[in-house]
């Protein structure tokens, strides 16, 4: 039980950060690091290059995720 709470608190503290590295981003959006590297090379993600390090602004990532949402056709018709 203690380890679960510790792990949860650790994840919450990471989510309060405004910048992620590749490993943290992979955990945040539940994909592999390899997928993140592929998306970087394909320029699908907005990132900041700091020397050899790559960082991601959580606000940009959240906007990117929001842009990937798929709404059903009925909602599109109703909102127009």
N, C-alpha and C. Protein backbone atom coordinates (compact mmCIF):
# COMPACT_ATOMS: atom_id res chain seq x y z
N UNK A 1 0.83 -1.19 0.00
CA UNK A 1 0.00 0.00 0.00
C UNK A 1 0.87 1.26 0.00
N UNK A 2 1.90 1.26 0.82
CA UNK A 2 2.80 2.42 0.89
C UNK A 2 3.46 2.67 -0.46
N UNK A 3 3.90 1.59 -1.12
CA UNK A 3 4.59 1.77 -2.40
C UNK A 3 3.64 2.34 -3.45
N UNK A 4 2.36 1.94 -3.40
CA UNK A 4 1.38 2.48 -4.34
C UNK A 4 1.22 3.98 -4.14
N UNK A 5 1.08 4.40 -2.90
CA UNK A 5 0.92 5.82 -2.59
C UNK A 5 2.16 6.60 -2.99
N UNK A 6 3.34 6.03 -2.69
CA UNK A 6 4.60 6.68 -3.07
C UNK A 6 4.68 6.86 -4.58
N UNK A 7 4.32 5.80 -5.32
CA UNK A 7 4.37 5.86 -6.79
C UNK A 7 3.38 6.90 -7.31
N UNK A 8 2.18 6.94 -6.73
CA UNK A 8 1.18 7.91 -7.15
C UNK A 8 1.66 9.34 -6.89
N UNK A 9 2.22 9.59 -5.72
CA UNK A 9 2.73 10.92 -5.40
C UNK A 9 3.88 11.30 -6.33
N UNK A 10 4.72 10.34 -6.65
CA UNK A 10 5.83 10.59 -7.57
C UNK A 10 5.31 11.01 -8.95
N UNK A 11 4.27 10.31 -9.43
CA UNK A 11 3.69 10.65 -10.73
C UNK A 11 3.03 12.02 -10.69
N UNK A 12 2.32 12.32 -9.60
CA UNK A 12 1.68 13.62 -9.49
C UNK A 12 2.70 14.75 -9.48
N UNK A 13 3.81 14.54 -8.79
CA UNK A 13 4.84 15.59 -8.74
C UNK A 13 5.44 15.81 -10.12
N UNK A 14 5.56 14.76 -10.92
CA UNK A 14 6.08 14.92 -12.27
C UNK A 14 5.08 15.68 -13.15
N UNK A 15 3.79 15.45 -12.92
CA UNK A 15 2.79 16.10 -13.75
C UNK A 15 2.69 17.59 -13.45
N UNK A 16 3.19 18.04 -12.32
CA UNK A 16 3.17 19.46 -12.00
C UNK A 16 4.28 20.22 -12.72
N UNK A 17 5.24 19.48 -13.27
CA UNK A 17 6.31 20.13 -14.01
C UNK A 17 5.75 20.71 -15.30
N UNK A 18 6.40 21.73 -15.80
CA UNK A 18 5.93 22.27 -17.08
C UNK A 18 6.75 21.77 -18.25
N UNK A 19 7.88 21.08 -17.95
CA UNK A 19 8.72 20.53 -19.00
C UNK A 19 9.02 19.07 -18.73
N UNK A 20 8.95 18.24 -19.76
CA UNK A 20 9.24 16.81 -19.64
C UNK A 20 10.43 16.45 -20.51
N UNK A 21 11.17 15.43 -20.09
CA UNK A 21 12.14 14.83 -20.99
C UNK A 21 11.44 13.68 -21.72
N UNK A 22 12.16 12.95 -22.56
CA UNK A 22 11.54 11.90 -23.37
C UNK A 22 10.92 10.82 -22.51
N UNK A 23 11.63 10.37 -21.50
CA UNK A 23 11.12 9.30 -20.64
C UNK A 23 9.85 9.74 -19.89
N UNK A 24 9.86 10.94 -19.37
CA UNK A 24 8.70 11.46 -18.64
C UNK A 24 7.50 11.63 -19.58
N UNK A 25 7.75 12.11 -20.79
CA UNK A 25 6.67 12.28 -21.76
C UNK A 25 6.07 10.93 -22.14
N UNK A 26 6.93 9.95 -22.36
CA UNK A 26 6.45 8.61 -22.71
C UNK A 26 5.53 8.07 -21.61
N UNK A 27 5.90 8.28 -20.37
CA UNK A 27 5.06 7.84 -19.26
C UNK A 27 3.77 8.65 -19.20
N UNK A 28 3.86 9.95 -19.41
CA UNK A 28 2.71 10.85 -19.32
C UNK A 28 1.62 10.50 -20.33
N UNK A 29 2.03 10.18 -21.58
CA UNK A 29 1.03 9.88 -22.60
C UNK A 29 0.93 8.38 -22.91
N UNK A 30 1.63 7.56 -22.12
CA UNK A 30 1.52 6.10 -22.19
C UNK A 30 1.88 5.52 -23.56
N UNK A 31 3.03 5.95 -24.06
CA UNK A 31 3.59 5.36 -25.28
C UNK A 31 5.06 5.04 -25.00
N UNK A 32 5.67 4.27 -25.88
CA UNK A 32 7.07 3.91 -25.67
C UNK A 32 8.00 5.07 -26.01
N UNK A 33 9.22 5.01 -25.48
CA UNK A 33 10.21 6.03 -25.81
C UNK A 33 10.52 5.99 -27.30
N UNK A 34 10.49 4.79 -27.89
CA UNK A 34 10.73 4.65 -29.32
C UNK A 34 9.71 5.42 -30.15
N UNK A 35 8.47 5.40 -29.71
CA UNK A 35 7.42 6.16 -30.39
C UNK A 35 7.71 7.65 -30.29
N UNK A 36 8.13 8.10 -29.13
CA UNK A 36 8.47 9.51 -28.96
C UNK A 36 9.62 9.89 -29.91
N UNK A 37 10.66 9.05 -29.97
CA UNK A 37 11.78 9.33 -30.88
C UNK A 37 11.29 9.40 -32.34
N UNK A 38 10.39 8.49 -32.72
CA UNK A 38 9.85 8.51 -34.09
C UNK A 38 9.09 9.80 -34.35
N UNK A 39 8.25 10.20 -33.41
CA UNK A 39 7.47 11.42 -33.57
C UNK A 39 8.37 12.65 -33.64
N UNK A 40 9.47 12.63 -32.89
CA UNK A 40 10.43 13.74 -32.95
C UNK A 40 11.05 13.82 -34.35
N UNK A 41 11.49 12.67 -34.86
CA UNK A 41 12.15 12.67 -36.17
C UNK A 41 11.18 13.06 -37.29
N UNK A 42 9.89 12.76 -37.08
CA UNK A 42 8.87 13.12 -38.07
C UNK A 42 8.29 14.51 -37.82
N UNK A 43 8.80 15.19 -36.78
CA UNK A 43 8.36 16.54 -36.40
C UNK A 43 6.86 16.59 -36.09
N UNK A 44 6.36 15.53 -35.45
CA UNK A 44 4.94 15.50 -35.08
C UNK A 44 4.69 16.18 -33.74
N UNK A 45 5.73 16.35 -32.95
CA UNK A 45 5.63 16.98 -31.63
C UNK A 45 6.40 18.29 -31.62
N UNK A 46 5.92 19.22 -30.81
CA UNK A 46 6.67 20.46 -30.58
C UNK A 46 7.66 20.18 -29.45
N UNK A 47 8.92 20.49 -29.68
CA UNK A 47 9.92 20.23 -28.65
C UNK A 47 10.97 21.33 -28.65
N UNK A 48 11.72 21.37 -27.56
CA UNK A 48 12.81 22.33 -27.41
C UNK A 48 14.10 21.54 -27.33
N UNK A 49 15.06 21.92 -28.12
CA UNK A 49 16.37 21.26 -28.11
C UNK A 49 17.29 22.09 -27.24
N UNK A 50 17.84 21.47 -26.20
CA UNK A 50 18.78 22.13 -25.29
C UNK A 50 20.09 21.36 -25.35
N UNK A 51 20.95 21.79 -26.26
CA UNK A 51 22.17 21.01 -26.49
C UNK A 51 21.77 19.68 -27.11
N UNK A 52 22.11 18.59 -26.43
CA UNK A 52 21.73 17.26 -26.90
C UNK A 52 20.41 16.80 -26.29
N UNK A 53 19.91 17.57 -25.35
CA UNK A 53 18.68 17.19 -24.66
C UNK A 53 17.45 17.70 -25.40
N UNK A 54 16.39 16.94 -25.30
CA UNK A 54 15.11 17.32 -25.89
C UNK A 54 14.11 17.46 -24.75
N UNK A 55 13.40 18.59 -24.73
CA UNK A 55 12.40 18.86 -23.70
C UNK A 55 11.07 19.18 -24.36
N UNK A 56 10.00 18.89 -23.63
CA UNK A 56 8.65 19.12 -24.13
C UNK A 56 7.89 19.97 -23.13
N UNK A 57 7.23 21.00 -23.61
CA UNK A 57 6.38 21.84 -22.77
C UNK A 57 5.04 21.13 -22.63
N UNK A 58 4.63 20.90 -21.40
CA UNK A 58 3.39 20.15 -21.16
C UNK A 58 2.18 20.83 -21.78
N UNK A 59 2.17 22.17 -21.83
CA UNK A 59 1.05 22.87 -22.45
C UNK A 59 0.96 22.54 -23.94
N UNK A 60 2.11 22.50 -24.62
CA UNK A 60 2.13 22.12 -26.04
C UNK A 60 1.66 20.69 -26.23
N UNK A 61 2.09 19.80 -25.35
CA UNK A 61 1.69 18.40 -25.46
C UNK A 61 0.19 18.25 -25.24
N UNK A 62 -0.34 18.95 -24.24
CA UNK A 62 -1.77 18.87 -23.98
C UNK A 62 -2.58 19.43 -25.16
N UNK A 63 -2.10 20.50 -25.77
CA UNK A 63 -2.77 21.05 -26.96
C UNK A 63 -2.71 20.05 -28.11
N UNK A 64 -1.56 19.41 -28.28
CA UNK A 64 -1.38 18.42 -29.33
C UNK A 64 -2.35 17.25 -29.13
N UNK A 65 -2.47 16.79 -27.89
CA UNK A 65 -3.40 15.69 -27.58
C UNK A 65 -4.83 16.14 -27.88
N UNK A 66 -5.17 17.34 -27.48
CA UNK A 66 -6.52 17.88 -27.73
C UNK A 66 -6.81 17.91 -29.23
N UNK A 67 -5.82 18.26 -30.03
CA UNK A 67 -6.02 18.34 -31.49
C UNK A 67 -6.22 16.96 -32.12
N UNK A 68 -5.85 15.91 -31.41
CA UNK A 68 -5.99 14.55 -31.93
C UNK A 68 -7.33 13.91 -31.60
N UNK A 69 -8.16 14.63 -30.84
CA UNK A 69 -9.47 14.08 -30.47
C UNK A 69 -10.33 13.89 -31.71
N UNK A 70 -11.08 12.82 -31.67
CA UNK A 70 -12.00 12.52 -32.76
C UNK A 70 -13.42 12.59 -32.20
N UNK A 71 -14.23 13.45 -32.81
CA UNK A 71 -15.61 13.55 -32.38
C UNK A 71 -16.50 12.88 -33.42
N UNK A 72 -17.60 12.33 -32.95
CA UNK A 72 -18.44 11.63 -33.92
C UNK A 72 -19.15 12.64 -34.82
N UNK A 73 -19.62 12.18 -35.95
CA UNK A 73 -20.20 13.06 -36.97
C UNK A 73 -21.45 13.78 -36.50
N UNK A 74 -22.25 13.17 -35.64
CA UNK A 74 -23.46 13.81 -35.16
C UNK A 74 -23.12 15.07 -34.35
N UNK A 75 -22.08 15.01 -33.56
CA UNK A 75 -21.69 16.19 -32.78
C UNK A 75 -21.24 17.31 -33.71
N UNK A 76 -20.57 16.98 -34.78
CA UNK A 76 -20.13 18.00 -35.73
C UNK A 76 -21.34 18.68 -36.37
N UNK A 77 -22.36 17.89 -36.72
CA UNK A 77 -23.56 18.44 -37.37
C UNK A 77 -24.32 19.33 -36.39
N UNK A 78 -24.44 18.88 -35.15
CA UNK A 78 -25.21 19.63 -34.16
C UNK A 78 -24.55 20.96 -33.83
N UNK A 79 -23.23 20.99 -33.76
CA UNK A 79 -22.53 22.21 -33.35
C UNK A 79 -22.39 23.23 -34.48
N UNK A 80 -22.69 22.86 -35.70
CA UNK A 80 -22.55 23.79 -36.82
C UNK A 80 -23.71 24.73 -36.92
